[in-house]
Amino acid sequence: CCFCWEGKSPPILAVVWSSCQVQAELHRFAFVFQDPDFRYTMQKRFPSVLEVYYKSNEWSGIHGIRENDQMTWLSSKN
């Protein structure tokens, strides 16, 4: 492989850094998708990405986000 620690365990700093990067991305994903206005923009520009968001929440047992968004968007148009 291309890493210097082939056959050995990776340095703890590399493991910690990777873990921090994963946590940062998860936090960013959760933070960004809490905003209904952002989800509305995603629905207009990238509906497939928003569909994945809705499905993943439904699979994890969180229901009603899609319906709440649709009601919010319909009421804001009136």
PDB file of N, CA and C in Angstrom:
ATOM      1  N   CYS A   1       0.830  -1.189   0.000  1.00  0.00           N
ATOM      2  CA  CYS A   1       0.000   0.000   0.000  1.00  0.00           C
ATOM      3  C   CYS A   1       0.875   1.253   0.000  1.00  0.00           C
ATOM      4  N   CYS A   2       0.281   2.386  -0.023  1.00  0.00           N
ATOM      5  CA  CYS A   2       1.012   3.643  -0.141  1.00  0.00           C
ATOM      6  C   CYS A   2       1.343   4.285   1.202  1.00  0.00           C
ATOM      7  N   PHE A   3       0.995   3.674   2.318  1.00  0.00           N
ATOM      8  CA  PHE A   3       1.261   4.273   3.623  1.00  0.00           C
ATOM      9  C   PHE A   3       2.581   3.784   4.181  1.00  0.00           C
ATOM     10  N   CYS A   4       3.230   4.622   4.962  1.00  0.00           N
ATOM     11  CA  CYS A   4       4.536   4.302   5.536  1.00  0.00           C
ATOM     12  C   CYS A   4       4.449   3.245   6.618  1.00  0.00           C
ATOM     13  N   TRP A   5       3.289   3.066   7.207  1.00  0.00           N
ATOM     14  CA  TRP A   5       3.171   2.144   8.326  1.00  0.00           C
ATOM     15  C   TRP A   5       2.655   0.771   7.903  1.00  0.00           C
ATOM     16  N   GLU A   6       3.002   0.363   6.696  1.00  0.00           N
ATOM     17  CA  GLU A   6       2.559  -0.919   6.178  1.00  0.00           C
ATOM     18  C   GLU A   6       2.982  -2.038   7.124  1.00  0.00           C
ATOM     19  N   GLY A   7       2.022  -2.841   7.520  1.00  0.00           N
ATOM     20  CA  GLY A   7       2.299  -3.939   8.426  1.00  0.00           C
ATOM     21  C   GLY A   7       2.276  -3.537   9.889  1.00  0.00           C
ATOM     22  N   LYS A   8       2.185  -2.267  10.172  1.00  0.00           N
ATOM     23  CA  LYS A   8       2.141  -1.772  11.546  1.00  0.00           C
ATOM     24  C   LYS A   8       0.810  -1.060  11.760  1.00  0.00           C
ATOM     25  N   SER A   9       0.526  -0.747  12.993  1.00  0.00           N
ATOM     26  CA  SER A   9      -0.692   0.025  13.244  1.00  0.00           C
ATOM     27  C   SER A   9      -0.433   1.491  12.893  1.00  0.00           C
ATOM     28  N   PRO A  10      -1.450   2.198  12.399  1.00  0.00           N
ATOM     29  CA  PRO A  10      -1.256   3.600  12.011  1.00  0.00           C
ATOM     30  C   PRO A  10      -0.981   4.464  13.240  1.00  0.00           C
ATOM     31  N   PRO A  11      -0.282   5.555  13.056  1.00  0.00           N
ATOM     32  CA  PRO A  11      -0.027   6.460  14.178  1.00  0.00           C
ATOM     33  C   PRO A  11      -1.342   6.980  14.759  1.00  0.00           C
ATOM     34  N   ILE A  12      -1.366   7.153  16.050  1.00  0.00           N
ATOM     35  CA  ILE A  12      -2.583   7.592  16.727  1.00  0.00           C
ATOM     36  C   ILE A  12      -3.068   8.937  16.195  1.00  0.00           C
ATOM     37  N   LEU A  13      -2.148   9.799  15.816  1.00  0.00           N
ATOM     38  CA  LEU A  13      -2.535  11.103  15.284  1.00  0.00           C
ATOM     39  C   LEU A  13      -3.353  10.954  13.999  1.00  0.00           C
ATOM     40  N   ALA A  14      -2.985  10.006  13.148  1.00  0.00           N
ATOM     41  CA  ALA A  14      -3.732   9.780  11.907  1.00  0.00           C
ATOM     42  C   ALA A  14      -5.142   9.286  12.207  1.00  0.00           C
ATOM     43  N   VAL A  15      -5.270   8.424  13.194  1.00  0.00           N
ATOM     44  CA  VAL A  15      -6.585   7.902  13.566  1.00  0.00           C
ATOM     45  C   VAL A  15      -7.451   9.021  14.145  1.00  0.00           C
ATOM     46  N   VAL A  16      -6.870   9.817  15.024  1.00  0.00           N
ATOM     47  CA  VAL A  16      -7.612  10.923  15.633  1.00  0.00           C
ATOM     48  C   VAL A  16      -8.022  11.934  14.569  1.00  0.00           C
ATOM     49  N   TRP A  17      -7.111  12.269  13.665  1.00  0.00           N
ATOM     50  CA  TRP A  17      -7.409  13.231  12.603  1.00  0.00           C
ATOM     51  C   TRP A  17      -8.551  12.728  11.714  1.00  0.00           C
ATOM     52  N   SER A  18      -8.508  11.471  11.336  1.00  0.00           N
ATOM     53  CA  SER A  18      -9.569  10.906  10.501  1.00  0.00           C
ATOM     54  C   SER A  18     -10.905  10.935  11.229  1.00  0.00           C
ATOM     55  N   SER A  19     -10.878  10.607  12.496  1.00  0.00           N
ATOM     56  CA  SER A  19     -12.103  10.634  13.290  1.00  0.00           C
ATOM     57  C   SER A  19     -12.669  12.048  13.370  1.00  0.00           C
ATOM     58  N   CYS A  20     -11.811  13.029  13.549  1.00  0.00           N
ATOM     59  CA  CYS A  20     -12.259  14.426  13.608  1.00  0.00           C
ATOM     60  C   CYS A  20     -12.872  14.865  12.280  1.00  0.00           C
ATOM     61  N   GLN A  21     -12.290  14.430  11.182  1.00  0.00           N
ATOM     62  CA  GLN A  21     -12.830  14.795   9.868  1.00  0.00           C
ATOM     63  C   GLN A  21     -14.221  14.202   9.663  1.00  0.00           C
ATOM     64  N   VAL A  22     -14.387  12.951  10.054  1.00  0.00           N
ATOM     65  CA  VAL A  22     -15.693  12.304   9.919  1.00  0.00           C
ATOM     66  C   VAL A  22     -16.724  13.023  10.785  1.00  0.00           C
ATOM     67  N   GLN A  23     -16.364  13.331  12.019  1.00  0.00           N
ATOM     68  CA  GLN A  23     -17.284  14.032  12.913  1.00  0.00           C
ATOM     69  C   GLN A  23     -17.662  15.408  12.357  1.00  0.00           C
ATOM     70  N   ALA A  24     -16.693  16.108  11.790  1.00  0.00           N
ATOM     71  CA  ALA A  24     -16.962  17.436  11.227  1.00  0.00           C
ATOM     72  C   ALA A  24     -17.936  17.345  10.056  1.00  0.00           C
ATOM     73  N   GLU A  25     -17.773  16.355   9.208  1.00  0.00           N
ATOM     74  CA  GLU A  25     -18.677  16.195   8.065  1.00  0.00           C
ATOM     75  C   GLU A  25     -20.083  15.836   8.520  1.00  0.00           C
ATOM     76  N   LEU A  26     -20.186  14.962   9.507  1.00  0.00           N
ATOM     77  CA  LEU A  26     -21.505  14.605  10.023  1.00  0.00           C
ATOM     78  C   LEU A  26     -22.192  15.812  10.658  1.00  0.00           C
ATOM     79  N   HIS A  27     -21.430  16.601  11.382  1.00  0.00           N
ATOM     80  CA  HIS A  27     -21.990  17.801  12.002  1.00  0.00           C
ATOM     81  C   HIS A  27     -22.456  18.785  10.929  1.00  0.00           C
ATOM     82  N   ARG A  28     -21.650  18.969   9.910  1.00  0.00           N
ATOM     83  CA  ARG A  28     -22.013  19.886   8.825  1.00  0.00           C
ATOM     84  C   ARG A  28     -23.287  19.411   8.131  1.00  0.00           C
ATOM     85  N   PHE A  29     -23.369  18.114   7.862  1.00  0.00           N
ATOM     86  CA  PHE A  29     -24.552  17.547   7.215  1.00  0.00           C
ATOM     87  C   PHE A  29     -25.793  17.793   8.075  1.00  0.00           C
ATOM     88  N   ALA A  30     -25.688  17.494   9.357  1.00  0.00           N
ATOM     89  CA  ALA A  30     -26.831  17.663  10.255  1.00  0.00           C
ATOM     90  C   ALA A  30     -27.213  19.132  10.385  1.00  0.00           C
ATOM     91  N   PHE A  31     -26.243  20.000  10.507  1.00  0.00           N
ATOM     92  CA  PHE A  31     -26.508  21.429  10.680  1.00  0.00           C
ATOM     93  C   PHE A  31     -27.176  22.011   9.441  1.00  0.00           C
ATOM     94  N   VAL A  32     -26.643  21.688   8.292  1.00  0.00           N
ATOM     95  CA  VAL A  32     -27.155  22.250   7.039  1.00  0.00           C
ATOM     96  C   VAL A  32     -28.576  21.777   6.778  1.00  0.00           C
ATOM     97  N   PHE A  33     -28.850  20.516   7.036  1.00  0.00           N
ATOM     98  CA  PHE A  33     -30.167  19.988   6.714  1.00  0.00           C
ATOM     99  C   PHE A  33     -31.217  20.304   7.768  1.00  0.00           C
ATOM    100  N   GLN A  34     -30.859  21.013   8.833  1.00  0.00           N
ATOM    101  CA  GLN A  34     -31.865  21.451   9.802  1.00  0.00           C
ATOM    102  C   GLN A  34     -32.605  22.683   9.308  1.00  0.00           C
ATOM    103  N   ASP A  35     -32.114  23.325   8.293  1.00  0.00           N
ATOM    104  CA  ASP A  35     -32.692  24.568   7.787  1.00  0.00           C
ATOM    105  C   ASP A  35     -33.697  24.273   6.667  1.00  0.00           C
ATOM    106  N   PRO A  36     -34.995  24.526   6.882  1.00  0.00           N
ATOM    107  CA  PRO A  36     -35.991  24.264   5.841  1.00  0.00           C
ATOM    108  C   PRO A  36     -35.753  25.062   4.560  1.00  0.00           C
ATOM    109  N   ASP A  37     -35.224  26.271   4.679  1.00  0.00           N
ATOM    110  CA  ASP A  37     -34.934  27.060   3.476  1.00  0.00           C
ATOM    111  C   ASP A  37     -33.850  26.399   2.638  1.00  0.00           C
ATOM    112  N   PHE A  38     -32.857  25.830   3.304  1.00  0.00           N
ATOM    113  CA  PHE A  38     -31.813  25.118   2.578  1.00  0.00           C
ATOM    114  C   PHE A  38     -32.398  23.893   1.885  1.00  0.00           C
ATOM    115  N   ARG A  39     -33.288  23.172   2.580  1.00  0.00           N
ATOM    116  CA  ARG A  39     -33.911  21.997   1.960  1.00  0.00           C
ATOM    117  C   ARG A  39     -34.757  22.411   0.763  1.00  0.00           C
ATOM    118  N   TYR A  40     -35.398  23.573   0.827  1.00  0.00           N
ATOM    119  CA  TYR A  40     -36.174  24.060  -0.315  1.00  0.00           C
ATOM    120  C   TYR A  40     -35.254  24.310  -1.511  1.00  0.00           C
ATOM    121  N   THR A  41     -34.106  24.926  -1.249  1.00  0.00           N
ATOM    122  CA  THR A  41     -33.125  25.154  -2.317  1.00  0.00           C
ATOM    123  C   THR A  41     -32.646  23.827  -2.885  1.00  0.00           C
ATOM    124  N   MET A  42     -32.381  22.862  -2.009  1.00  0.00           N
ATOM    125  CA  MET A  42     -31.939  21.539  -2.469  1.00  0.00           C
ATOM    126  C   MET A  42     -33.022  20.869  -3.305  1.00  0.00           C
ATOM    127  N   GLN A  43     -34.275  21.060  -2.909  1.00  0.00           N
ATOM    128  CA  GLN A  43     -35.376  20.451  -3.646  1.00  0.00           C
ATOM    129  C   GLN A  43     -35.454  21.007  -5.059  1.00  0.00           C
ATOM    130  N   LYS A  44     -35.138  22.274  -5.222  1.00  0.00           N
ATOM    131  CA  LYS A  44     -35.168  22.897  -6.545  1.00  0.00           C
ATOM    132  C   LYS A  44     -33.946  22.518  -7.382  1.00  0.00           C
ATOM    133  N   ARG A  45     -32.778  22.455  -6.753  1.00  0.00           N
ATOM    134  CA  ARG A  45     -31.534  22.240  -7.502  1.00  0.00           C
ATOM    135  C   ARG A  45     -31.111  20.777  -7.589  1.00  0.00           C
ATOM    136  N   PHE A  46     -31.233  20.060  -6.472  1.00  0.00           N
ATOM    137  CA  PHE A  46     -30.750  18.677  -6.400  1.00  0.00           C
ATOM    138  C   PHE A  46     -31.789  17.798  -5.707  1.00  0.00           C
ATOM    139  N   PRO A  47     -32.909  17.531  -6.365  1.00  0.00           N
ATOM    140  CA  PRO A  47     -33.967  16.768  -5.698  1.00  0.00           C
ATOM    141  C   PRO A  47     -33.541  15.356  -5.292  1.00  0.00           C
ATOM    142  N   SER A  48     -32.615  14.752  -6.019  1.00  0.00           N
ATOM    143  CA  SER A  48     -32.190  13.395  -5.656  1.00  0.00           C
ATOM    144  C   SER A  48     -31.425  13.383  -4.336  1.00  0.00           C
ATOM    145  N   VAL A  49     -30.647  14.430  -4.064  1.00  0.00           N
ATOM    146  CA  VAL A  49     -29.917  14.516  -2.798  1.00  0.00           C
ATOM    147  C   VAL A  49     -30.906  14.674  -1.648  1.00  0.00           C
ATOM    148  N   LEU A  50     -31.912  15.500  -1.844  1.00  0.00           N
ATOM    149  CA  LEU A  50     -32.915  15.695  -0.804  1.00  0.00           C
ATOM    150  C   LEU A  50     -33.709  14.412  -0.573  1.00  0.00           C
ATOM    151  N   GLU A  51     -33.965  13.667  -1.628  1.00  0.00           N
ATOM    152  CA  GLU A  51     -34.677  12.396  -1.490  1.00  0.00           C
ATOM    153  C   GLU A  51     -33.870  11.423  -0.628  1.00  0.00           C
ATOM    154  N   VAL A  52     -32.568  11.383  -0.821  1.00  0.00           N
ATOM    155  CA  VAL A  52     -31.707  10.531   0.012  1.00  0.00           C
ATOM    156  C   VAL A  52     -31.800  10.966   1.468  1.00  0.00           C
ATOM    157  N   TYR A  53     -31.817  12.262   1.711  1.00  0.00           N
ATOM    158  CA  TYR A  53     -31.946  12.789   3.072  1.00  0.00           C
ATOM    159  C   TYR A  53     -33.263  12.326   3.697  1.00  0.00           C
ATOM    160  N   TYR A  54     -34.367  12.485   2.971  1.00  0.00           N
ATOM    161  CA  TYR A  54     -35.664  12.066   3.498  1.00  0.00           C
ATOM    162  C   TYR A  54     -35.684  10.562   3.769  1.00  0.00           C
ATOM    163  N   LYS A  55     -35.209   9.773   2.814  1.00  0.00           N
ATOM    164  CA  LYS A  55     -35.225   8.314   2.959  1.00  0.00           C
ATOM    165  C   LYS A  55     -34.370   7.861   4.134  1.00  0.00           C
ATOM    166  N   SER A  56     -33.182   8.441   4.285  1.00  0.00           N
ATOM    167  CA  SER A  56     -32.309   8.017   5.381  1.00  0.00           C
ATOM    168  C   SER A  56     -32.941   8.332   6.731  1.00  0.00           C
ATOM    169  N   ASN A  57     -33.623   9.457   6.830  1.00  0.00           N
ATOM    170  CA  ASN A  57     -34.324   9.771   8.076  1.00  0.00           C
ATOM    171  C   ASN A  57     -35.488   8.820   8.311  1.00  0.00           C
ATOM    172  N   GLU A  58     -36.226   8.497   7.267  1.00  0.00           N
ATOM    173  CA  GLU A  58     -37.348   7.573   7.416  1.00  0.00           C
ATOM    174  C   GLU A  58     -36.862   6.184   7.801  1.00  0.00           C
ATOM    175  N   TRP A  59     -35.758   5.732   7.211  1.00  0.00           N
ATOM    176  CA  TRP A  59     -35.203   4.428   7.565  1.00  0.00           C
ATOM    177  C   TRP A  59     -34.732   4.394   9.018  1.00  0.00           C
ATOM    178  N   SER A  60     -34.278   5.537   9.516  1.00  0.00           N
ATOM    179  CA  SER A  60     -33.801   5.572  10.900  1.00  0.00           C
ATOM    180  C   SER A  60     -34.933   5.850  11.891  1.00  0.00           C
ATOM    181  N   GLY A  61     -36.163   5.948  11.398  1.00  0.00           N
ATOM    182  CA  GLY A  61     -37.310   6.104  12.284  1.00  0.00           C
ATOM    183  C   GLY A  61     -37.762   7.532  12.504  1.00  0.00           C
ATOM    184  N   ILE A  62     -37.180   8.475  11.779  1.00  0.00           N
ATOM    185  CA  ILE A  62     -37.573   9.882  11.906  1.00  0.00           C
ATOM    186  C   ILE A  62     -38.530  10.189  10.758  1.00  0.00           C
ATOM    187  N   HIS A  63     -39.788  10.361  11.093  1.00  0.00           N
ATOM    188  CA  HIS A  63     -40.811  10.565  10.068  1.00  0.00           C
ATOM    189  C   HIS A  63     -41.382  11.970  10.156  1.00  0.00           C
ATOM    190  N   GLY A  64     -41.943  12.439   9.053  1.00  0.00           N
ATOM    191  CA  GLY A  64     -42.660  13.702   9.046  1.00  0.00           C
ATOM    192  C   GLY A  64     -41.888  14.891   8.511  1.00  0.00           C
ATOM    193  N   ILE A  65     -40.608  14.743   8.257  1.00  0.00           N
ATOM    194  CA  ILE A  65     -39.826  15.884   7.767  1.00  0.00           C
ATOM    195  C   ILE A  65     -40.304  16.290   6.376  1.00  0.00           C
ATOM    196  N   ARG A  66     -40.480  15.306   5.515  1.00  0.00           N
ATOM    197  CA  ARG A  66     -40.931  15.581   4.146  1.00  0.00           C
ATOM    198  C   ARG A  66     -42.293  16.288   4.157  1.00  0.00           C
ATOM    199  N   GLU A  67     -43.211  15.770   4.968  1.00  0.00           N
ATOM    200  CA  GLU A  67     -44.550  16.342   5.032  1.00  0.00           C
ATOM    201  C   GLU A  67     -44.520  17.758   5.607  1.00  0.00           C
ATOM    202  N   ASN A  68     -43.731  17.961   6.650  1.00  0.00           N
ATOM    203  CA  ASN A  68     -43.609  19.307   7.231  1.00  0.00           C
ATOM    204  C   ASN A  68     -43.031  20.293   6.223  1.00  0.00           C
ATOM    205  N   ASP A  69     -42.026  19.852   5.475  1.00  0.00           N
ATOM    206  CA  ASP A  69     -41.436  20.723   4.455  1.00  0.00           C
ATOM    207  C   ASP A  69     -42.464  21.095   3.399  1.00  0.00           C
ATOM    208  N   GLN A  70     -43.211  20.106   2.930  1.00  0.00           N
ATOM    209  CA  GLN A  70     -44.205  20.384   1.892  1.00  0.00           C
ATOM    210  C   GLN A  70     -45.270  21.354   2.386  1.00  0.00           C
ATOM    211  N   MET A  71     -45.701  21.185   3.634  1.00  0.00           N
ATOM    212  CA  MET A  71     -46.691  22.108   4.200  1.00  0.00           C
ATOM    213  C   MET A  71     -46.107  23.512   4.342  1.00  0.00           C
ATOM    214  N   THR A  72     -44.855  23.603   4.781  1.00  0.00           N
ATOM    215  CA  THR A  72     -44.197  24.905   4.932  1.00  0.00           C
ATOM    216  C   THR A  72     -44.071  25.594   3.587  1.00  0.00           C
ATOM    217  N   TRP A  73     -43.643  24.846   2.583  1.00  0.00           N
ATOM    218  CA  TRP A  73     -43.441  25.435   1.261  1.00  0.00           C
ATOM    219  C   TRP A  73     -44.770  25.863   0.634  1.00  0.00           C
ATOM    220  N   LEU A  74     -45.812  25.054   0.832  1.00  0.00           N
ATOM    221  CA  LEU A  74     -47.126  25.427   0.293  1.00  0.00           C
ATOM    222  C   LEU A  74     -47.680  26.663   0.985  1.00  0.00           C
ATOM    223  N   SER A  75     -47.524  26.743   2.290  1.00  0.00           N
ATOM    224  CA  SER A  75     -48.068  27.898   3.016  1.00  0.00           C
ATOM    225  C   SER A  75     -47.283  29.173   2.718  1.00  0.00           C
ATOM    226  N   SER A  76     -46.012  29.043   2.399  1.00  0.00           N
ATOM    227  CA  SER A  76     -45.225  30.242   2.088  1.00  0.00           C
ATOM    228  C   SER A  76     -45.543  30.775   0.691  1.00  0.00           C
ATOM    229  N   LYS A  77     -46.078  29.926  -0.179  1.00  0.00           N
ATOM    230  CA  LYS A  77     -46.447  30.377  -1.523  1.00  0.00           C
ATOM    231  C   LYS A  77     -47.759  31.144  -1.508  1.00  0.00           C
ATOM    232  N   ASN A  78     -48.590  30.900  -0.511  1.00  0.00           N
ATOM    233  CA  ASN A  78     -49.910  31.555  -0.440  1.00  0.00           C
ATOM    234  C   ASN A  78     -49.840  32.910   0.171  1.00  0.00           C
TER     235      ASN A  78
END
